[in-house]
PDB file of N, CA and C in Angstrom:
ATOM      1  N   MET A   1      27.891   5.965   7.800  1.00  0.00           N
ATOM      2  CA  MET A   1      26.539   6.152   7.341  1.00  0.00           C
ATOM      3  C   MET A   1      26.144   5.030   6.401  1.00  0.00           C
ATOM      4  N   ARG A   2      24.857   4.781   6.340  1.00  0.00           N
ATOM      5  CA  ARG A   2      24.346   3.766   5.438  1.00  0.00           C
ATOM      6  C   ARG A   2      24.252   4.325   4.026  1.00  0.00           C
ATOM      7  N   THR A   3      24.307   3.452   3.048  1.00  0.00           N
ATOM      8  CA  THR A   3      24.257   3.895   1.654  1.00  0.00           C
ATOM      9  C   THR A   3      22.910   4.530   1.323  1.00  0.00           C
ATOM     10  N   LYS A   4      21.848   4.048   1.940  1.00  0.00           N
ATOM     11  CA  LYS A   4      20.532   4.627   1.695  1.00  0.00           C
ATOM     12  C   LYS A   4      20.498   6.086   2.152  1.00  0.00           C
ATOM     13  N   THR A   5      21.078   6.380   3.301  1.00  0.00           N
ATOM     14  CA  THR A   5      21.121   7.746   3.826  1.00  0.00           C
ATOM     15  C   THR A   5      21.951   8.639   2.913  1.00  0.00           C
ATOM     16  N   ILE A   6      23.076   8.145   2.440  1.00  0.00           N
ATOM     17  CA  ILE A   6      23.929   8.924   1.548  1.00  0.00           C
ATOM     18  C   ILE A   6      23.205   9.225   0.239  1.00  0.00           C
ATOM     19  N   LEU A   7      22.494   8.237  -0.311  1.00  0.00           N
ATOM     20  CA  LEU A   7      21.749   8.450  -1.544  1.00  0.00           C
ATOM     21  C   LEU A   7      20.625   9.470  -1.354  1.00  0.00           C
ATOM     22  N   ILE A   8      19.962   9.451  -0.217  1.00  0.00           N
ATOM     23  CA  ILE A   8      18.901  10.422   0.063  1.00  0.00           C
ATOM     24  C   ILE A   8      19.486  11.828   0.161  1.00  0.00           C
ATOM     25  N   ILE A   9      20.624  11.965   0.807  1.00  0.00           N
ATOM     26  CA  ILE A   9      21.271  13.281   0.915  1.00  0.00           C
ATOM     27  C   ILE A   9      21.676  13.790  -0.466  1.00  0.00           C
ATOM     28  N   ILE A  10      22.285  12.938  -1.295  1.00  0.00           N
ATOM     29  CA  ILE A  10      22.702  13.345  -2.642  1.00  0.00           C
ATOM     30  C   ILE A  10      21.484  13.741  -3.473  1.00  0.00           C
ATOM     31  N   LEU A  11      20.417  12.958  -3.414  1.00  0.00           N
ATOM     32  CA  LEU A  11      19.201  13.267  -4.160  1.00  0.00           C
ATOM     33  C   LEU A  11      18.591  14.593  -3.708  1.00  0.00           C
ATOM     34  N   THR A  12      18.583  14.840  -2.415  1.00  0.00           N
ATOM     35  CA  THR A  12      18.052  16.092  -1.888  1.00  0.00           C
ATOM     36  C   THR A  12      18.876  17.283  -2.361  1.00  0.00           C
ATOM     37  N   VAL A  13      20.194  17.159  -2.361  1.00  0.00           N
ATOM     38  CA  VAL A  13      21.065  18.244  -2.833  1.00  0.00           C
ATOM     39  C   VAL A  13      20.834  18.508  -4.315  1.00  0.00           C
ATOM     40  N   LEU A  14      20.732  17.458  -5.130  1.00  0.00           N
ATOM     41  CA  LEU A  14      20.497  17.633  -6.559  1.00  0.00           C
ATOM     42  C   LEU A  14      19.148  18.297  -6.836  1.00  0.00           C
ATOM     43  N   ILE A  15      18.113  17.892  -6.131  1.00  0.00           N
ATOM     44  CA  ILE A  15      16.796  18.507  -6.305  1.00  0.00           C
ATOM     45  C   ILE A  15      16.831  19.974  -5.890  1.00  0.00           C
ATOM     46  N   THR A  16      17.525  20.288  -4.796  1.00  0.00           N
ATOM     47  CA  THR A  16      17.635  21.679  -4.344  1.00  0.00           C
ATOM     48  C   THR A  16      18.364  22.531  -5.365  1.00  0.00           C
ATOM     49  N   ILE A  17      19.458  22.026  -5.923  1.00  0.00           N
ATOM     50  CA  ILE A  17      20.198  22.767  -6.959  1.00  0.00           C
ATOM     51  C   ILE A  17      19.311  22.995  -8.183  1.00  0.00           C
ATOM     52  N   PHE A  18      18.588  21.966  -8.595  1.00  0.00           N
ATOM     53  CA  PHE A  18      17.692  22.091  -9.752  1.00  0.00           C
ATOM     54  C   PHE A  18      16.604  23.131  -9.491  1.00  0.00           C
ATOM     55  N   LEU A  19      16.042  23.126  -8.294  1.00  0.00           N
ATOM     56  CA  LEU A  19      14.994  24.095  -7.975  1.00  0.00           C
ATOM     57  C   LEU A  19      15.539  25.520  -7.943  1.00  0.00           C
ATOM     58  N   MET A  20      16.732  25.703  -7.420  1.00  0.00           N
ATOM     59  CA  MET A  20      17.306  27.053  -7.332  1.00  0.00           C
ATOM     60  C   MET A  20      17.695  27.607  -8.707  1.00  0.00           C
ATOM     61  N   MET A  21      17.934  26.727  -9.679  1.00  0.00           N
ATOM     62  CA  MET A  21      18.271  27.186 -11.025  1.00  0.00           C
ATOM     63  C   MET A  21      17.021  27.583 -11.816  1.00  0.00           C
ATOM     64  N   ASN A  22      15.840  27.190 -11.366  1.00  0.00           N
ATOM     65  CA  ASN A  22      14.595  27.447 -12.092  1.00  0.00           C
ATOM     66  C   ASN A  22      13.669  28.329 -11.263  1.00  0.00           C
ATOM     67  N   THR A  23      14.062  29.579 -11.066  1.00  0.00           N
ATOM     68  CA  THR A  23      13.249  30.477 -10.247  1.00  0.00           C
ATOM     69  C   THR A  23      12.444  31.468 -11.072  1.00  0.00           C
ATOM     70  N   ASP A  24      12.611  31.478 -12.387  1.00  0.00           N
ATOM     71  CA  ASP A  24      11.889  32.459 -13.195  1.00  0.00           C
ATOM     72  C   ASP A  24      10.400  32.114 -13.284  1.00  0.00           C
ATOM     73  N   ALA A  25       9.594  33.140 -13.544  1.00  0.00           N
ATOM     74  CA  ALA A  25       8.144  32.967 -13.609  1.00  0.00           C
ATOM     75  C   ALA A  25       7.739  32.459 -14.985  1.00  0.00           C
ATOM     76  N   VAL A  26       6.709  31.646 -14.977  1.00  0.00           N
ATOM     77  CA  VAL A  26       6.186  31.071 -16.209  1.00  0.00           C
ATOM     78  C   VAL A  26       4.674  31.278 -16.198  1.00  0.00           C
ATOM     79  N   GLU A  27       4.112  31.544 -17.361  1.00  0.00           N
ATOM     80  CA  GLU A  27       2.670  31.723 -17.442  1.00  0.00           C
ATOM     81  C   GLU A  27       1.997  30.372 -17.629  1.00  0.00           C
ATOM     82  N   PHE A  28       1.111  30.043 -16.708  1.00  0.00           N
ATOM     83  CA  PHE A  28       0.332  28.817 -16.790  1.00  0.00           C
ATOM     84  C   PHE A  28      -1.096  29.173 -17.159  1.00  0.00           C
ATOM     85  N   ASP A  29      -1.637  28.445 -18.099  1.00  0.00           N
ATOM     86  CA  ASP A  29      -2.994  28.688 -18.570  1.00  0.00           C
ATOM     87  C   ASP A  29      -3.901  27.623 -17.971  1.00  0.00           C
ATOM     88  N   PHE A  30      -4.612  28.001 -16.907  1.00  0.00           N
ATOM     89  CA  PHE A  30      -5.537  27.081 -16.271  1.00  0.00           C
ATOM     90  C   PHE A  30      -6.869  27.118 -17.007  1.00  0.00           C
ATOM     91  N   ILE A  31      -7.821  26.360 -16.558  1.00  0.00           N
ATOM     92  CA  ILE A  31      -9.118  26.270 -17.228  1.00  0.00           C
ATOM     93  C   ILE A  31      -9.816  27.634 -17.261  1.00  0.00           C
ATOM     94  N   ILE A  32      -9.816  28.340 -16.165  1.00  0.00           N
ATOM     95  CA  ILE A  32     -10.573  29.585 -16.051  1.00  0.00           C
ATOM     96  C   ILE A  32      -9.682  30.814 -16.222  1.00  0.00           C
ATOM     97  N   PHE A  33      -8.458  30.781 -15.759  1.00  0.00           N
ATOM     98  CA  PHE A  33      -7.621  31.982 -15.744  1.00  0.00           C
ATOM     99  C   PHE A  33      -6.178  31.649 -16.104  1.00  0.00           C
ATOM    100  N   LYS A  34      -5.426  32.717 -16.382  1.00  0.00           N
ATOM    101  CA  LYS A  34      -3.991  32.591 -16.621  1.00  0.00           C
ATOM    102  C   LYS A  34      -3.268  33.136 -15.398  1.00  0.00           C
ATOM    103  N   ALA A  35      -2.146  32.513 -15.070  1.00  0.00           N
ATOM    104  CA  ALA A  35      -1.422  32.954 -13.878  1.00  0.00           C
ATOM    105  C   ALA A  35       0.078  32.882 -14.127  1.00  0.00           C
ATOM    106  N   GLN A  36       0.814  33.794 -13.514  1.00  0.00           N
ATOM    107  CA  GLN A  36       2.272  33.785 -13.519  1.00  0.00           C
ATOM    108  C   GLN A  36       2.724  33.062 -12.249  1.00  0.00           C
ATOM    109  N   ILE A  37       3.328  31.899 -12.419  1.00  0.00           N
ATOM    110  CA  ILE A  37       3.760  31.094 -11.282  1.00  0.00           C
ATOM    111  C   ILE A  37       5.239  30.768 -11.471  1.00  0.00           C
ATOM    112  N   SER A  38       5.962  30.751 -10.381  1.00  0.00           N
ATOM    113  CA  SER A  38       7.379  30.420 -10.415  1.00  0.00           C
ATOM    114  C   SER A  38       7.577  28.937 -10.737  1.00  0.00           C
ATOM    115  N   LYS A  39       8.572  28.653 -11.566  1.00  0.00           N
ATOM    116  CA  LYS A  39       8.909  27.252 -11.843  1.00  0.00           C
ATOM    117  C   LYS A  39       9.319  26.535 -10.562  1.00  0.00           C
ATOM    118  N   LEU A  40       9.966  27.267  -9.683  1.00  0.00           N
ATOM    119  CA  LEU A  40      10.398  26.704  -8.414  1.00  0.00           C
ATOM    120  C   LEU A  40       9.214  26.124  -7.656  1.00  0.00           C
ATOM    121  N   LEU A  41       8.122  26.870  -7.614  1.00  0.00           N
ATOM    122  CA  LEU A  41       6.937  26.419  -6.893  1.00  0.00           C
ATOM    123  C   LEU A  41       6.309  25.200  -7.565  1.00  0.00           C
ATOM    124  N   VAL A  42       6.185  25.248  -8.883  1.00  0.00           N
ATOM    125  CA  VAL A  42       5.544  24.148  -9.607  1.00  0.00           C
ATOM    126  C   VAL A  42       6.364  22.865  -9.500  1.00  0.00           C
ATOM    127  N   VAL A  43       7.651  22.961  -9.774  1.00  0.00           N
ATOM    128  CA  VAL A  43       8.503  21.764  -9.724  1.00  0.00           C
ATOM    129  C   VAL A  43       8.621  21.250  -8.287  1.00  0.00           C
ATOM    130  N   GLY A  44       8.713  22.144  -7.316  1.00  0.00           N
ATOM    131  CA  GLY A  44       8.801  21.732  -5.913  1.00  0.00           C
ATOM    132  C   GLY A  44       7.560  21.006  -5.445  1.00  0.00           C
ATOM    133  N   VAL A  45       6.379  21.552  -5.788  1.00  0.00           N
ATOM    134  CA  VAL A  45       5.125  20.902  -5.377  1.00  0.00           C
ATOM    135  C   VAL A  45       4.977  19.551  -6.071  1.00  0.00           C
ATOM    136  N   CYS A  46       5.301  19.491  -7.358  1.00  0.00           N
ATOM    137  CA  CYS A  46       5.193  18.219  -8.082  1.00  0.00           C
ATOM    138  C   CYS A  46       6.172  17.168  -7.545  1.00  0.00           C
ATOM    139  N   THR A  47       7.384  17.590  -7.196  1.00  0.00           N
ATOM    140  CA  THR A  47       8.360  16.661  -6.622  1.00  0.00           C
ATOM    141  C   THR A  47       7.891  16.138  -5.272  1.00  0.00           C
ATOM    142  N   PHE A  48       7.400  17.039  -4.428  1.00  0.00           N
ATOM    143  CA  PHE A  48       6.904  16.638  -3.109  1.00  0.00           C
ATOM    144  C   PHE A  48       5.711  15.697  -3.245  1.00  0.00           C
ATOM    145  N   ALA A  49       4.783  16.014  -4.156  1.00  0.00           N
ATOM    146  CA  ALA A  49       3.625  15.142  -4.379  1.00  0.00           C
ATOM    147  C   ALA A  49       4.070  13.778  -4.907  1.00  0.00           C
ATOM    148  N   GLY A  50       5.095  13.764  -5.753  1.00  0.00           N
ATOM    149  CA  GLY A  50       5.604  12.489  -6.263  1.00  0.00           C
ATOM    150  C   GLY A  50       6.224  11.629  -5.177  1.00  0.00           C
ATOM    151  N   PHE A  51       6.975  12.265  -4.267  1.00  0.00           N
ATOM    152  CA  PHE A  51       7.547  11.511  -3.154  1.00  0.00           C
ATOM    153  C   PHE A  51       6.459  10.947  -2.245  1.00  0.00           C
ATOM    154  N   LEU A  52       5.440  11.762  -1.964  1.00  0.00           N
ATOM    155  CA  LEU A  52       4.338  11.283  -1.116  1.00  0.00           C
ATOM    156  C   LEU A  52       3.595  10.132  -1.783  1.00  0.00           C
ATOM    157  N   LEU A  53       3.317  10.271  -3.059  1.00  0.00           N
ATOM    158  CA  LEU A  53       2.623   9.204  -3.781  1.00  0.00           C
ATOM    159  C   LEU A  53       3.470   7.934  -3.844  1.00  0.00           C
ATOM    160  N   GLY A  54       4.768   8.089  -4.083  1.00  0.00           N
ATOM    161  CA  GLY A  54       5.656   6.925  -4.110  1.00  0.00           C
ATOM    162  C   GLY A  54       5.743   6.228  -2.770  1.00  0.00           C
ATOM    163  N   TYR A  55       5.775   6.998  -1.694  1.00  0.00           N
ATOM    164  CA  TYR A  55       5.807   6.401  -0.363  1.00  0.00           C
ATOM    165  C   TYR A  55       4.503   5.685  -0.078  1.00  0.00           C
ATOM    166  N   TRP A  56       3.388   6.311  -0.440  1.00  0.00           N
ATOM    167  CA  TRP A  56       2.077   5.730  -0.164  1.00  0.00           C
ATOM    168  C   TRP A  56       1.894   4.415  -0.921  1.00  0.00           C
ATOM    169  N   VAL A  57       2.331   4.360  -2.176  1.00  0.00           N
ATOM    170  CA  VAL A  57       2.190   3.145  -2.977  1.00  0.00           C
ATOM    171  C   VAL A  57       3.188   2.073  -2.539  1.00  0.00           C
ATOM    172  N   GLY A  58       4.404   2.474  -2.136  1.00  0.00           N
ATOM    173  CA  GLY A  58       5.461   1.512  -1.847  1.00  0.00           C
ATOM    174  C   GLY A  58       5.566   1.069  -0.411  1.00  0.00           C
ATOM    175  N   ARG A  59       4.732   1.591   0.468  1.00  0.00           N
ATOM    176  CA  ARG A  59       4.846   1.198   1.873  1.00  0.00           C
ATOM    177  C   ARG A  59       4.412  -0.247   2.061  1.00  0.00           C
ATOM    178  N   PRO A  60       4.968  -0.904   3.067  1.00  0.00           N
ATOM    179  CA  PRO A  60       4.595  -2.303   3.290  1.00  0.00           C
ATOM    180  C   PRO A  60       3.145  -2.418   3.737  1.00  0.00           C
ATOM    181  N   LYS A  61       2.508  -3.433   3.274  1.00  0.00           N
ATOM    182  CA  LYS A  61       1.111  -3.671   3.628  1.00  0.00           C
ATOM    183  C   LYS A  61       1.048  -4.418   4.955  1.00  0.00           C
ATOM    184  N   THR A  62       0.029  -4.154   5.743  1.00  0.00           N
ATOM    185  CA  THR A  62      -0.156  -4.895   6.993  1.00  0.00           C
ATOM    186  C   THR A  62      -0.936  -6.166   6.669  1.00  0.00           C
ATOM    187  N   VAL A  63      -0.393  -7.286   7.068  1.00  0.00           N
ATOM    188  CA  VAL A  63      -0.993  -8.574   6.771  1.00  0.00           C
ATOM    189  C   VAL A  63      -1.330  -9.251   8.084  1.00  0.00           C
ATOM    190  N   VAL A  64      -2.565  -9.695   8.200  1.00  0.00           N
ATOM    191  CA  VAL A  64      -2.980 -10.443   9.372  1.00  0.00           C
ATOM    192  C   VAL A  64      -2.771 -11.909   9.054  1.00  0.00           C
ATOM    193  N   SER A  65      -1.933 -12.545   9.842  1.00  0.00           N
ATOM    194  CA  SER A  65      -1.593 -13.934   9.590  1.00  0.00           C
ATOM    195  C   SER A  65      -2.342 -14.835  10.557  1.00  0.00           C
ATOM    196  N   THR A  66      -2.828 -15.960  10.051  1.00  0.00           N
ATOM    197  CA  THR A  66      -3.500 -16.931  10.907  1.00  0.00           C
ATOM    198  C   THR A  66      -2.552 -18.049  11.308  1.00  0.00           C
ATOM    199  N   TYR A  67      -1.298 -17.969  10.879  1.00  0.00           N
ATOM    200  CA  TYR A  67      -0.342 -19.030  11.187  1.00  0.00           C
ATOM    201  C   TYR A  67       0.191 -18.928  12.611  1.00  0.00           C
ATOM    202  N   ASP A  68      -0.049 -17.829  13.287  1.00  0.00           N
ATOM    203  CA  ASP A  68       0.488 -17.627  14.622  1.00  0.00           C
ATOM    204  C   ASP A  68      -0.412 -18.183  15.721  1.00  0.00           C
ATOM    205  N   ARG A  69      -1.521 -18.763  15.379  1.00  0.00           N
ATOM    206  CA  ARG A  69      -2.441 -19.261  16.389  1.00  0.00           C
ATOM    207  C   ARG A  69      -1.912 -20.554  17.016  1.00  0.00           C
ATOM    208  N   ASN A  70      -2.267 -20.775  18.264  1.00  0.00           N
ATOM    209  CA  ASN A  70      -1.916 -22.027  18.936  1.00  0.00           C
ATOM    210  C   ASN A  70      -2.882 -23.114  18.486  1.00  0.00           C
ATOM    211  N   GLU A  71      -2.406 -24.352  18.476  1.00  0.00           N
ATOM    212  CA  GLU A  71      -3.280 -25.453  18.076  1.00  0.00           C
ATOM    213  C   GLU A  71      -4.341 -25.729  19.127  1.00  0.00           C
ATOM    214  N   ASP A  72      -4.124 -25.282  20.376  1.00  0.00           N
ATOM    215  CA  ASP A  72      -5.117 -25.474  21.419  1.00  0.00           C
ATOM    216  C   ASP A  72      -6.364 -24.627  21.168  1.00  0.00           C
ATOM    217  N   GLU A  73      -6.199 -23.513  20.497  1.00  0.00           N
ATOM    218  CA  GLU A  73      -7.320 -22.619  20.247  1.00  0.00           C
ATOM    219  C   GLU A  73      -8.214 -23.120  19.115  1.00  0.00           C
ATOM    220  N   ILE A  74      -7.698 -24.014  18.291  1.00  0.00           N
ATOM    221  CA  ILE A  74      -8.459 -24.493  17.143  1.00  0.00           C
ATOM    222  C   ILE A  74      -9.386 -25.610  17.604  1.00  0.00           C
ATOM    223  N   THR A  75     -10.653 -25.439  17.335  1.00  0.00           N
ATOM    224  CA  THR A  75     -11.633 -26.469  17.707  1.00  0.00           C
ATOM    225  C   THR A  75     -11.980 -27.275  16.467  1.00  0.00           C
ATOM    226  N   PRO A  76     -12.008 -28.594  16.584  1.00  0.00           N
ATOM    227  CA  PRO A  76     -12.337 -29.410  15.413  1.00  0.00           C
ATOM    228  C   PRO A  76     -13.801 -29.215  15.014  1.00  0.00           C
ATOM    229  N   VAL A  77     -14.034 -29.282  13.736  1.00  0.00           N
ATOM    230  CA  VAL A  77     -15.385 -29.127  13.212  1.00  0.00           C
ATOM    231  C   VAL A  77     -15.961 -30.516  13.000  1.00  0.00           C
ATOM    232  N   SER A  78     -17.109 -30.748  13.605  1.00  0.00           N
ATOM    233  CA  SER A  78     -17.743 -32.056  13.447  1.00  0.00           C
ATOM    234  C   SER A  78     -18.607 -32.037  12.197  1.00  0.00           C
ATOM    235  N   PRO A  79     -18.726 -33.193  11.544  1.00  0.00           N
ATOM    236  CA  PRO A  79     -19.556 -33.243  10.339  1.00  0.00           C
ATOM    237  C   PRO A  79     -21.017 -33.010  10.701  1.00  0.00           C
ATOM    238  N   PRO A  80     -21.787 -32.500   9.786  1.00  0.00           N
ATOM    239  CA  PRO A  80     -23.199 -32.255  10.095  1.00  0.00           C
ATOM    240  C   PRO A  80     -23.922 -33.564  10.368  1.00  0.00           C
ATOM    241  N   SER A  81     -24.822 -33.505  11.334  1.00  0.00           N
ATOM    242  CA  SER A  81     -25.561 -34.721  11.677  1.00  0.00           C
ATOM    243  C   SER A  81     -26.708 -34.902  10.696  1.00  0.00           C
ATOM    244  N   VAL A  82     -26.924 -36.172  10.346  1.00  0.00           N
ATOM    245  CA  VAL A  82     -27.986 -36.516   9.406  1.00  0.00           C
ATOM    246  C   VAL A  82     -29.084 -37.205  10.208  1.00  0.00           C
ATOM    247  N   PRO A  83     -30.324 -36.791  10.052  1.00  0.00           N
ATOM    248  CA  PRO A  83     -31.404 -37.452  10.792  1.00  0.00           C
ATOM    249  C   PRO A  83     -31.475 -38.931  10.429  1.00  0.00           C
ATOM    250  N   LYS A  84     -31.856 -39.754  11.426  1.00  0.00           N
ATOM    251  CA  LYS A  84     -31.864 -41.199  11.219  1.00  0.00           C
ATOM    252  C   LYS A  84     -32.882 -41.632  10.185  1.00  0.00           C
ATOM    253  N   GLY A  85     -33.897 -40.886  10.002  1.00  0.00           N
ATOM    254  CA  GLY A  85     -34.945 -41.269   9.062  1.00  0.00           C
ATOM    255  C   GLY A  85     -34.489 -41.211   7.615  1.00  0.00           C
ATOM    256  N   THR A  86     -33.414 -40.511   7.315  1.00  0.00           N
ATOM    257  CA  THR A  86     -32.985 -40.382   5.926  1.00  0.00           C
ATOM    258  C   THR A  86     -31.986 -41.457   5.520  1.00  0.00           C
ATOM    259  N   LEU A  87     -31.458 -42.239   6.484  1.00  0.00           N
ATOM    260  CA  LEU A  87     -30.494 -43.287   6.159  1.00  0.00           C
ATOM    261  C   LEU A  87     -31.215 -44.601   5.889  1.00  0.00           C
ATOM    262  N   SER A  88     -30.695 -45.331   4.923  1.00  0.00           N
ATOM    263  CA  SER A  88     -31.261 -46.660   4.659  1.00  0.00           C
ATOM    264  C   SER A  88     -30.659 -47.654   5.659  1.00  0.00           C
ATOM    265  N   ASP A  89     -31.255 -48.809   5.744  1.00  0.00           N
ATOM    266  CA  ASP A  89     -30.748 -49.843   6.649  1.00  0.00           C
ATOM    267  C   ASP A  89     -29.336 -50.259   6.270  1.00  0.00           C
ATOM    268  N   GLU A  90     -29.041 -50.303   4.982  1.00  0.00           N
ATOM    269  CA  GLU A  90     -27.718 -50.679   4.515  1.00  0.00           C
ATOM    270  C   GLU A  90     -26.672 -49.654   4.969  1.00  0.00           C
ATOM    271  N   ASP A  91     -27.046 -48.359   4.898  1.00  0.00           N
ATOM    272  CA  ASP A  91     -26.126 -47.320   5.348  1.00  0.00           C
ATOM    273  C   ASP A  91     -25.904 -47.375   6.855  1.00  0.00           C
ATOM    274  N   ARG A  92     -26.951 -47.661   7.598  1.00  0.00           N
ATOM    275  CA  ARG A  92     -26.788 -47.771   9.064  1.00  0.00           C
ATOM    276  C   ARG A  92     -25.900 -48.958   9.424  1.00  0.00           C
ATOM    277  N   ASP A  93     -26.030 -50.069   8.701  1.00  0.00           N
ATOM    278  CA  ASP A  93     -25.148 -51.218   8.976  1.00  0.00           C
ATOM    279  C   ASP A  93     -23.715 -50.897   8.650  1.00  0.00           C
ATOM    280  N   TYR A  94     -23.488 -50.133   7.576  1.00  0.00           N
ATOM    281  CA  TYR A  94     -22.122 -49.784   7.186  1.00  0.00           C
ATOM    282  C   TYR A  94     -21.489 -48.853   8.215  1.00  0.00           C
ATOM    283  N   ILE A  95     -22.259 -47.916   8.737  1.00  0.00           N
ATOM    284  CA  ILE A  95     -21.718 -46.957   9.711  1.00  0.00           C
ATOM    285  C   ILE A  95     -21.445 -47.673  11.028  1.00  0.00           C
ATOM    286  N   SER A  96     -22.254 -48.595  11.441  1.00  0.00           N
ATOM    287  CA  SER A  96     -22.095 -49.253  12.731  1.00  0.00           C
ATOM    288  C   SER A  96     -20.950 -50.163  12.793  1.00  0.00           C
TER     289      SER A  96
END
């Protein structure tokens, strides 16, 4: 087995043991009402939400790369054309 798999199994066993040791009810005071909720439920939901959030934040991002294009597909960009009326005679001689 890979070390990552072994670590996941050990972590899962430890979390399960911790959850099974905390099954007593606790009074939670919400904004509107008070409720008796099991620690098992609260810690389990928070752990699951933490794993989901960690996976969502840590997942690899999809990157679109432009380096994979063929050079045949790239068309050269020509410089913008300047109307002849805006060039001086000196500039036309230099270009020619």
